[in-house]
C-alpha atoms as a PDB file:
ATOM      1  CA  MET A   1     -24.455 -16.826  -5.959  1.00  0.00           C
ATOM      2  CA  PRO A   2     -20.637 -16.526  -5.842  1.00  0.00           C
ATOM      3  CA  ARG A   3     -18.934 -16.954  -2.483  1.00  0.00           C
ATOM      4  CA  LEU A   4     -15.926 -15.067  -1.102  1.00  0.00           C
ATOM      5  CA  GLU A   5     -13.289 -17.386   0.378  1.00  0.00           C
ATOM      6  CA  ARG A   6      -9.917 -16.735   1.983  1.00  0.00           C
ATOM      7  CA  LEU A   7      -7.134 -17.977  -0.300  1.00  0.00           C
ATOM      8  CA  THR A   8      -5.805 -21.472   0.428  1.00  0.00           C
ATOM      9  CA  ALA A   9      -3.414 -23.874  -1.281  1.00  0.00           C
ATOM     10  CA  ASP A  10      -6.448 -25.730  -2.672  1.00  0.00           C
ATOM     11  CA  HIS A  11      -7.427 -22.684  -4.753  1.00  0.00           C
ATOM     12  CA  ALA A  12      -4.253 -22.799  -6.863  1.00  0.00           C
ATOM     13  CA  PRO A  13      -5.519 -24.773  -9.909  1.00  0.00           C
ATOM     14  CA  ALA A  14      -8.762 -22.780 -10.254  1.00  0.00           C
ATOM     15  CA  LEU A  15      -6.964 -19.486  -9.652  1.00  0.00           C
ATOM     16  CA  LEU A  16      -4.377 -20.241 -12.331  1.00  0.00           C
ATOM     17  CA  ALA A  17      -7.165 -21.144 -14.771  1.00  0.00           C
ATOM     18  CA  PHE A  18      -8.959 -17.873 -13.920  1.00  0.00           C
ATOM     19  CA  GLU A  19      -5.824 -15.809 -14.570  1.00  0.00           C
ATOM     20  CA  GLN A  20      -5.067 -17.634 -17.841  1.00  0.00           C
ATOM     21  CA  GLU A  21      -8.641 -17.395 -19.155  1.00  0.00           C
ATOM     22  CA  ASN A  22      -8.872 -13.680 -18.377  1.00  0.00           C
ATOM     23  CA  ARG A  23      -5.310 -12.588 -19.155  1.00  0.00           C
ATOM     24  CA  ALA A  24      -6.109 -10.584 -22.298  1.00  0.00           C
ATOM     25  CA  TYR A  25      -9.238  -9.108 -20.724  1.00  0.00           C
ATOM     26  CA  PHE A  26      -7.334  -7.903 -17.656  1.00  0.00           C
ATOM     27  CA  ALA A  27      -4.407  -6.594 -19.726  1.00  0.00           C
ATOM     28  CA  ALA A  28      -6.798  -4.172 -21.432  1.00  0.00           C
ATOM     29  CA  SER A  29      -7.280  -2.244 -18.178  1.00  0.00           C
ATOM     30  CA  VAL A  30      -4.476  -3.228 -15.765  1.00  0.00           C
ATOM     31  CA  PRO A  31      -0.817  -4.133 -16.304  1.00  0.00           C
ATOM     32  CA  ASP A  32      -0.251  -7.660 -17.582  1.00  0.00           C
ATOM     33  CA  ARG A  33       1.279 -10.024 -15.024  1.00  0.00           C
ATOM     34  CA  GLY A  34       3.841 -11.258 -17.560  1.00  0.00           C
ATOM     35  CA  ASP A  35       4.815 -14.757 -18.645  1.00  0.00           C
ATOM     36  CA  ASP A  36       6.939 -15.351 -15.538  1.00  0.00           C
ATOM     37  CA  TYR A  37       3.811 -15.109 -13.363  1.00  0.00           C
ATOM     38  CA  PHE A  38       2.256 -18.069 -15.176  1.00  0.00           C
ATOM     39  CA  THR A  39       5.466 -20.077 -15.511  1.00  0.00           C
ATOM     40  CA  ASN A  40       6.190 -19.808 -11.787  1.00  0.00           C
ATOM     41  CA  PHE A  41       2.597 -19.739 -10.558  1.00  0.00           C
ATOM     42  CA  ALA A  42       3.006 -22.485  -7.929  1.00  0.00           C
ATOM     43  CA  ALA A  43       5.920 -20.742  -6.220  1.00  0.00           C
ATOM     44  CA  ARG A  44       4.128 -17.386  -6.388  1.00  0.00           C
ATOM     45  CA  HIS A  45       0.985 -18.911  -4.872  1.00  0.00           C
ATOM     46  CA  ASP A  46       3.024 -20.394  -2.010  1.00  0.00           C
ATOM     47  CA  ALA A  47       4.656 -17.004  -1.422  1.00  0.00           C
ATOM     48  CA  LEU A  48       1.234 -15.336  -1.215  1.00  0.00           C
ATOM     49  CA  LEU A  49       0.108 -17.857   1.376  1.00  0.00           C
ATOM     50  CA  THR A  50       3.266 -17.154   3.406  1.00  0.00           C
ATOM     51  CA  GLU A  51       2.581 -13.388   3.281  1.00  0.00           C
ATOM     52  CA  GLN A  52      -1.012 -14.030   4.328  1.00  0.00           C
ATOM     53  CA  ALA A  53       0.042 -16.230   7.251  1.00  0.00           C
ATOM     54  CA  ALA A  54       2.330 -13.410   8.429  1.00  0.00           C
ATOM     55  CA  GLY A  55      -0.588 -10.937   8.356  1.00  0.00           C
ATOM     56  CA  LEU A  56       1.013  -8.801   5.641  1.00  0.00           C
ATOM     57  CA  CYS A  57      -1.817  -9.419   3.174  1.00  0.00           C
ATOM     58  CA  HIS A  58      -5.299 -10.909   3.003  1.00  0.00           C
ATOM     59  CA  PHE A  59      -6.087 -12.736  -0.238  1.00  0.00           C
ATOM     60  CA  HIS A  60      -9.526 -13.911  -1.313  1.00  0.00           C
ATOM     61  CA  VAL A  61     -11.107 -15.684  -4.247  1.00  0.00           C
ATOM     62  CA  LEU A  62     -14.666 -15.443  -5.429  1.00  0.00           C
ATOM     63  CA  THR A  63     -16.021 -18.833  -6.458  1.00  0.00           C
ATOM     64  CA  ASP A  64     -19.185 -19.752  -8.297  1.00  0.00           C
ATOM     65  CA  PRO A  65     -21.357 -22.733  -7.231  1.00  0.00           C
ATOM     66  CA  SER A  66     -19.259 -25.097  -9.405  1.00  0.00           C
ATOM     67  CA  GLY A  67     -16.085 -24.043  -7.562  1.00  0.00           C
ATOM     68  CA  ALA A  68     -14.665 -22.075 -10.487  1.00  0.00           C
ATOM     69  CA  THR A  69     -12.928 -18.816  -9.642  1.00  0.00           C
ATOM     70  CA  VAL A  70     -14.814 -15.791 -10.997  1.00  0.00           C
ATOM     71  CA  GLY A  71     -12.899 -13.109  -9.138  1.00  0.00           C
ATOM     72  CA  ARG A  72     -10.278 -12.231  -6.629  1.00  0.00           C
ATOM     73  CA  VAL A  73     -10.084  -9.434  -4.107  1.00  0.00           C
ATOM     74  CA  ASN A  74      -7.136  -8.651  -1.888  1.00  0.00           C
ATOM     75  CA  HIS A  75      -5.802  -6.458   0.871  1.00  0.00           C
ATOM     76  CA  VAL A  76      -2.062  -5.994   0.361  1.00  0.00           C
ATOM     77  CA  ASP A  77       0.614  -4.038   2.185  1.00  0.00           C
ATOM     78  CA  VAL A  78      -1.251  -4.191   5.498  1.00  0.00           C
ATOM     79  CA  ALA A  79       0.297  -1.662   7.890  1.00  0.00           C
ATOM     80  CA  ASP A  80      -0.904   0.926  10.408  1.00  0.00           C
ATOM     81  CA  ASP A  81      -4.466  -0.480  10.329  1.00  0.00           C
ATOM     82  CA  SER A  82      -4.822   0.112   6.584  1.00  0.00           C
ATOM     83  CA  ALA A  83      -4.194  -1.772   3.355  1.00  0.00           C
ATOM     84  CA  GLU A  84      -4.293  -1.451  -0.385  1.00  0.00           C
ATOM     85  CA  LEU A  85      -7.340  -2.951  -2.104  1.00  0.00           C
ATOM     86  CA  GLY A  86      -7.098  -4.830  -5.375  1.00  0.00           C
ATOM     87  CA  PHE A  87      -9.798  -6.711  -7.253  1.00  0.00           C
ATOM     88  CA  ARG A  88     -10.372  -8.579 -10.534  1.00  0.00           C
ATOM     89  CA  ILE A  89     -13.593 -10.017 -11.885  1.00  0.00           C
ATOM     90  CA  ALA A  90     -13.760 -12.528 -14.749  1.00  0.00           C
ATOM     91  CA  GLU A  91     -14.828 -11.184 -18.114  1.00  0.00           C
ATOM     92  CA  LYS A  92     -17.871 -13.479 -18.131  1.00  0.00           C
ATOM     93  CA  ALA A  93     -19.068 -11.911 -14.845  1.00  0.00           C
ATOM     94  CA  ALA A  94     -18.282  -8.275 -15.714  1.00  0.00           C
ATOM     95  CA  GLY A  95     -21.165  -5.822 -15.749  1.00  0.00           C
ATOM     96  CA  SER A  96     -23.331  -7.956 -13.477  1.00  0.00           C
ATOM     97  CA  GLY A  97     -22.830  -5.935 -10.284  1.00  0.00           C
ATOM     98  CA  LEU A  98     -20.582  -8.638  -8.868  1.00  0.00           C
ATOM     99  CA  ALA A  99     -17.574  -6.327  -8.446  1.00  0.00           C
ATOM    100  CA  THR A 100     -19.631  -3.775  -6.526  1.00  0.00           C
ATOM    101  CA  ALA A 101     -21.081  -6.474  -4.274  1.00  0.00           C
ATOM    102  CA  VAL A 102     -17.723  -8.097  -3.525  1.00  0.00           C
ATOM    103  CA  VAL A 103     -15.965  -4.784  -2.849  1.00  0.00           C
ATOM    104  CA  ARG A 104     -18.725  -3.899  -0.371  1.00  0.00           C
ATOM    105  CA  GLU A 105     -18.284  -7.310   1.248  1.00  0.00           C
ATOM    106  CA  ILE A 106     -14.498  -7.033   1.443  1.00  0.00           C
ATOM    107  CA  CYS A 107     -14.725  -3.551   2.986  1.00  0.00           C
ATOM    108  CA  ALA A 108     -16.943  -4.933   5.743  1.00  0.00           C
ATOM    109  CA  LEU A 109     -14.589  -7.882   6.213  1.00  0.00           C
ATOM    110  CA  ALA A 110     -11.603  -5.520   6.383  1.00  0.00           C
ATOM    111  CA  ALA A 111     -13.165  -3.732   9.336  1.00  0.00           C
ATOM    112  CA  THR A 112     -14.698  -6.665  11.199  1.00  0.00           C
ATOM    113  CA  GLU A 113     -12.231  -9.516  10.597  1.00  0.00           C
ATOM    114  CA  TYR A 114      -8.944  -7.735  10.026  1.00  0.00           C
ATOM    115  CA  GLY A 115      -9.371  -4.615  12.159  1.00  0.00           C
ATOM    116  CA  LEU A 116      -8.513  -2.238   9.328  1.00  0.00           C
ATOM    117  CA  THR A 117      -9.636   1.370   9.500  1.00  0.00           C
ATOM    118  CA  ALA A 118      -8.887   2.457   5.936  1.00  0.00           C
ATOM    119  CA  LEU A 119      -8.404   1.060   2.455  1.00  0.00           C
ATOM    120  CA  ARG A 120      -6.583   2.771  -0.380  1.00  0.00           C
ATOM    121  CA  THR A 121      -6.327   1.922  -4.055  1.00  0.00           C
ATOM    122  CA  ALA A 122      -5.771   3.436  -7.480  1.00  0.00           C
ATOM    123  CA  ALA A 123      -7.392   3.030 -10.875  1.00  0.00           C
ATOM    124  CA  ALA A 124      -6.286   4.200 -14.294  1.00  0.00           C
ATOM    125  CA  LEU A 125      -8.349   7.053 -15.709  1.00  0.00           C
ATOM    126  CA  ASP A 126      -9.460   4.867 -18.608  1.00  0.00           C
ATOM    127  CA  ASN A 127     -10.556   2.033 -16.277  1.00  0.00           C
ATOM    128  CA  ILE A 128     -14.116   3.334 -15.976  1.00  0.00           C
ATOM    129  CA  GLY A 129     -15.439   0.044 -14.588  1.00  0.00           C
ATOM    130  CA  SER A 130     -13.134   0.000 -11.574  1.00  0.00           C
ATOM    131  CA  ARG A 131     -13.554   3.705 -10.944  1.00  0.00           C
ATOM    132  CA  THR A 132     -17.346   3.261 -10.962  1.00  0.00           C
ATOM    133  CA  VAL A 133     -17.136   0.353  -8.503  1.00  0.00           C
ATOM    134  CA  LEU A 134     -14.933   2.389  -6.167  1.00  0.00           C
ATOM    135  CA  THR A 135     -17.296   5.374  -6.201  1.00  0.00           C
ATOM    136  CA  ARG A 136     -20.336   3.139  -5.642  1.00  0.00           C
ATOM    137  CA  THR A 137     -18.700   1.496  -2.637  1.00  0.00           C
ATOM    138  CA  GLY A 138     -17.772   4.638  -0.736  1.00  0.00           C
ATOM    139  CA  PHE A 139     -14.231   5.347  -1.919  1.00  0.00           C
ATOM    140  CA  THR A 140     -13.370   8.986  -2.524  1.00  0.00           C
ATOM    141  CA  GLU A 141     -10.799  10.416  -4.886  1.00  0.00           C
ATOM    142  CA  ALA A 142      -7.532  11.279  -3.160  1.00  0.00           C
ATOM    143  CA  GLY A 143      -5.596  12.848  -6.002  1.00  0.00           C
ATOM    144  CA  PRO A 144      -3.867  12.009  -9.254  1.00  0.00           C
ATOM    145  CA  THR A 145      -1.150   9.402  -9.618  1.00  0.00           C
ATOM    146  CA  VAL A 146       0.514   7.311 -12.291  1.00  0.00           C
ATOM    147  CA  LEU A 147      -0.212   3.589 -12.395  1.00  0.00           C
ATOM    148  CA  ASP A 148       2.346   1.659 -14.433  1.00  0.00           C
ATOM    149  CA  GLY A 149       2.900   4.625 -16.707  1.00  0.00           C
ATOM    150  CA  ARG A 150      -0.781   5.458 -17.112  1.00  0.00           C
ATOM    151  CA  PRO A 151      -2.588   8.467 -15.627  1.00  0.00           C
ATOM    152  CA  ALA A 152      -4.662   7.319 -12.682  1.00  0.00           C
ATOM    153  CA  LEU A 153      -6.535   8.427  -9.597  1.00  0.00           C
ATOM    154  CA  GLN A 154      -5.866   7.430  -6.009  1.00  0.00           C
ATOM    155  CA  TYR A 155      -8.859   6.490  -3.858  1.00  0.00           C
ATOM    156  CA  ILE A 156      -9.349   6.033  -0.126  1.00  0.00           C
ATOM    157  CA  ARG A 157     -12.138   4.739   2.067  1.00  0.00           C
ATOM    158  CA  THR A 158     -12.315   5.110   5.821  1.00  0.00           C
ATOM    159  CA  LEU A 159     -13.890   2.066   7.449  1.00  0.00           C
ATOM    160  CA  PRO A 160     -16.286   2.182  10.400  1.00  0.00           C
END
Protein backbone atom coordinates (compact mmCIF):
# COMPACT_ATOMS: atom_id res chain seq x y z
CA MET A 1 0.00 0.00 0.00
CA PRO A 2 1.50 3.39 -0.96
CA ARG A 3 2.26 5.84 1.84
CA LEU A 4 1.83 9.63 1.84
CA GLU A 5 4.91 11.45 3.15
CA ARG A 6 5.72 15.13 3.60
CA LEU A 7 8.38 16.18 1.09
CA THR A 8 11.97 16.16 2.36
CA ALA A 9 15.40 16.63 0.79
CA ASP A 10 15.79 12.83 0.78
CA HIS A 11 12.92 12.49 -1.71
CA ALA A 12 14.75 14.39 -4.46
CA PRO A 13 16.27 11.46 -6.43
CA ALA A 14 13.05 9.39 -6.45
CA LEU A 15 10.93 12.45 -7.23
CA LEU A 16 13.12 13.39 -10.19
CA ALA A 17 12.92 9.82 -11.49
CA PHE A 18 9.11 9.91 -11.11
CA GLU A 19 8.84 13.16 -13.08
CA GLN A 20 11.19 11.92 -15.82
CA GLU A 21 9.48 8.53 -16.18
CA ASN A 22 6.02 10.10 -16.39
CA ARG A 23 6.82 13.28 -18.33
CA ALA A 24 5.08 12.30 -21.57
CA TYR A 25 2.13 10.80 -19.70
CA PHE A 26 1.59 13.97 -17.66
CA ALA A 27 2.06 16.24 -20.69
CA ALA A 28 -0.97 14.59 -22.30
CA SER A 29 -3.28 16.10 -19.67
CA VAL A 30 -1.41 18.92 -17.89
CA PRO A 31 1.15 21.47 -19.10
CA ASP A 32 4.66 20.09 -19.49
CA ARG A 33 7.13 21.33 -16.88
CA GLY A 34 9.72 22.12 -19.56
CA ASP A 35 13.37 21.16 -19.89
CA ASP A 36 14.50 23.81 -17.39
CA TYR A 37 12.56 22.02 -14.63
CA PHE A 38 14.66 18.88 -15.12
CA THR A 39 17.95 20.68 -15.72
CA ASN A 40 17.60 22.70 -12.52
CA PHE A 41 15.71 20.12 -10.47
CA ALA A 42 17.99 20.29 -7.41
CA ALA A 43 17.61 24.05 -7.04
CA ARG A 44 13.85 23.82 -7.63
CA HIS A 45 13.54 21.08 -5.00
CA ASP A 46 15.44 23.22 -2.47
CA ALA A 47 13.16 26.16 -3.25
CA LEU A 48 10.07 24.01 -2.62
CA LEU A 49 11.44 22.95 0.75
CA THR A 50 12.05 26.62 1.63
CA GLU A 51 8.44 27.50 0.68
CA GLN A 52 7.20 24.57 2.75
CA ALA A 53 9.26 25.61 5.78
CA ALA A 54 7.71 29.09 5.53
CA GLY A 55 4.20 27.58 5.56
CA LEU A 56 3.40 28.84 2.05
CA CYS A 57 2.93 25.33 0.66
CA HIS A 58 2.63 21.73 1.80
CA PHE A 59 4.27 19.19 -0.52
CA HIS A 60 3.83 15.43 -0.32
CA VAL A 61 5.00 12.36 -2.16
CA LEU A 62 3.28 9.03 -2.40
CA THR A 63 5.75 6.16 -2.10
CA ASP A 64 5.31 2.47 -2.75
CA PRO A 65 6.78 -0.19 -0.40
CA SER A 66 10.09 -0.12 -2.33
CA GLY A 67 10.42 3.63 -1.72
CA ALA A 68 9.71 4.60 -5.33
CA THR A 69 7.56 7.67 -5.86
CA VAL A 70 4.20 6.81 -7.44
CA GLY A 71 2.51 10.16 -6.93
CA ARG A 72 2.66 13.61 -5.51
CA VAL A 73 -0.01 15.78 -3.96
CA ASN A 74 0.40 19.36 -2.87
CA HIS A 75 -1.24 22.34 -1.24
CA VAL A 76 0.16 25.51 -2.80
CA ASP A 77 -0.53 29.20 -2.32
CA VAL A 78 -1.67 28.72 1.27
CA ALA A 79 -3.46 31.88 2.42
CA ASP A 80 -6.60 32.79 4.38
CA ASP A 81 -7.02 29.18 5.60
CA SER A 82 -7.24 27.80 2.06
CA ALA A 83 -4.90 26.45 -0.60
CA GLU A 84 -4.77 25.18 -4.13
CA LEU A 85 -4.66 21.40 -4.54
CA GLY A 86 -2.50 19.70 -7.14
CA PHE A 87 -1.88 16.01 -7.69
CA ARG A 88 -0.11 13.62 -10.09
CA ILE A 89 -0.18 9.85 -10.12
CA ALA A 90 2.29 7.69 -12.07
CA GLU A 91 1.03 6.15 -15.28
CA LYS A 92 1.62 2.65 -13.89
CA ALA A 93 -0.71 3.41 -10.95
CA ALA A 94 -3.42 5.23 -12.93
CA GLY A 95 -6.91 3.76 -12.88
CA SER A 96 -6.33 1.87 -9.64
CA GLY A 97 -8.26 4.22 -7.34
CA LEU A 98 -5.02 5.54 -5.89
CA ALA A 99 -5.69 9.16 -6.89
CA THR A 100 -9.12 9.11 -5.26
CA ALA A 101 -7.71 7.60 -2.07
CA VAL A 102 -4.81 10.05 -1.81
CA VAL A 103 -6.98 13.10 -2.52
CA ARG A 104 -9.35 11.99 0.26
CA GLU A 105 -6.35 11.56 2.56
CA ILE A 106 -4.85 14.95 1.69
CA CYS A 107 -8.20 16.69 2.25
CA ALA A 108 -8.36 15.23 5.75
CA LEU A 109 -4.74 16.20 6.37
CA ALA A 110 -5.44 19.74 5.12
CA ALA A 111 -8.09 20.17 7.79
CA THR A 112 -6.47 18.35 10.70
CA GLU A 113 -2.74 19.08 10.26
CA TYR A 114 -2.71 22.38 8.41
CA GLY A 115 -5.90 24.01 9.67
CA LEU A 116 -7.24 24.70 6.18
CA THR A 117 -10.94 25.25 5.67
CA ALA A 118 -11.11 25.07 1.88
CA LEU A 119 -9.23 23.70 -1.11
CA ARG A 120 -9.54 24.94 -4.67
CA THR A 121 -8.22 23.52 -7.92
CA ALA A 122 -8.87 23.40 -11.65
CA ALA A 123 -8.85 20.68 -14.27
CA ALA A 124 -8.95 20.88 -18.04
CA LEU A 125 -12.23 19.78 -19.59
CA ASP A 126 -10.48 16.95 -21.41
CA ASN A 127 -8.79 15.71 -18.20
CA ILE A 128 -11.63 13.32 -17.35
CA GLY A 129 -9.53 11.37 -14.84
CA SER A 130 -8.79 14.36 -12.63
CA ARG A 131 -12.31 15.71 -12.92
CA THR A 132 -13.68 12.31 -11.84
CA VAL A 133 -11.34 12.19 -8.84
CA LEU A 134 -12.38 15.69 -7.78
CA THR A 135 -16.09 14.87 -8.00
CA ARG A 136 -15.62 11.60 -6.10
CA THR A 137 -13.79 13.38 -3.29
CA GLY A 138 -16.34 16.09 -2.61
CA PHE A 139 -15.17 18.96 -4.81
CA THR A 140 -17.88 20.93 -6.56
CA GLU A 141 -17.65 22.85 -9.80
CA ALA A 142 -17.10 26.57 -9.27
CA GLY A 143 -17.22 27.84 -12.83
CA PRO A 144 -15.28 27.83 -16.07
CA THR A 145 -11.69 28.95 -16.42
CA VAL A 146 -8.75 28.59 -18.77
CA LEU A 147 -5.82 26.45 -17.68
CA ASP A 148 -2.68 27.12 -19.72
CA GLY A 149 -4.74 27.98 -22.77
CA ARG A 150 -7.14 25.06 -22.42
CA PRO A 151 -10.80 25.26 -21.37
CA ALA A 152 -11.12 24.07 -17.80
CA LEU A 153 -13.34 24.01 -14.75
CA GLN A 154 -12.60 25.44 -11.32
CA TYR A 155 -13.43 23.28 -8.30
CA ILE A 156 -13.72 23.99 -4.59
CA ARG A 157 -14.15 21.88 -1.49
CA THR A 158 -15.02 23.20 1.95
CA LEU A 159 -13.28 21.21 4.68
CA PRO A 160 -14.86 20.27 8.00
